[in-house]
């Protein structure tokens, strides 16, 4: 099963499980000078197209205490993800951030530092940025859910 996990945002963390291989990083989908806001969505769509066929796309559901602009951007990104998945016959799932935090650290209110430390330990990586760490931990959470349902 090929699973893509995304921590949506201008610095979009991603983690791709393809067989037993995991590739992760950050996609910079920020709007550049003299560009429309829609360029963020075009960049994200292009990154999704580069990944190719996937079976499942999971994304972190945004925090409720965002500024209005951040909430609007998160909504646009979520809308693109949903539309992309529907257009390409890809299953998708949003996972609330507190579930990922509790899974990774045992605390539903873990801070960014705790999440980075959990991801670095779990994946034997160093110098992770929190967006990539969140995507890796989301992938690990969903992979566990998928494996558990496979065994039932």
Foldseek 3Di string as FASTA:
>chain_A
DWEWEWADDQFIWIWIDDPNDIDIDTDRLDDDPPDDRCSSLVSVVVVVVVVPDGAEYEYEDDDPPDDPVRVVRSVVNVVSVVVSCVVRVHHYYYDYQLVLVCVQQVGSPDDLVSLQVSQCVVVVDPDDDSNNSSNSSVVVVVVVVVVVVVVD
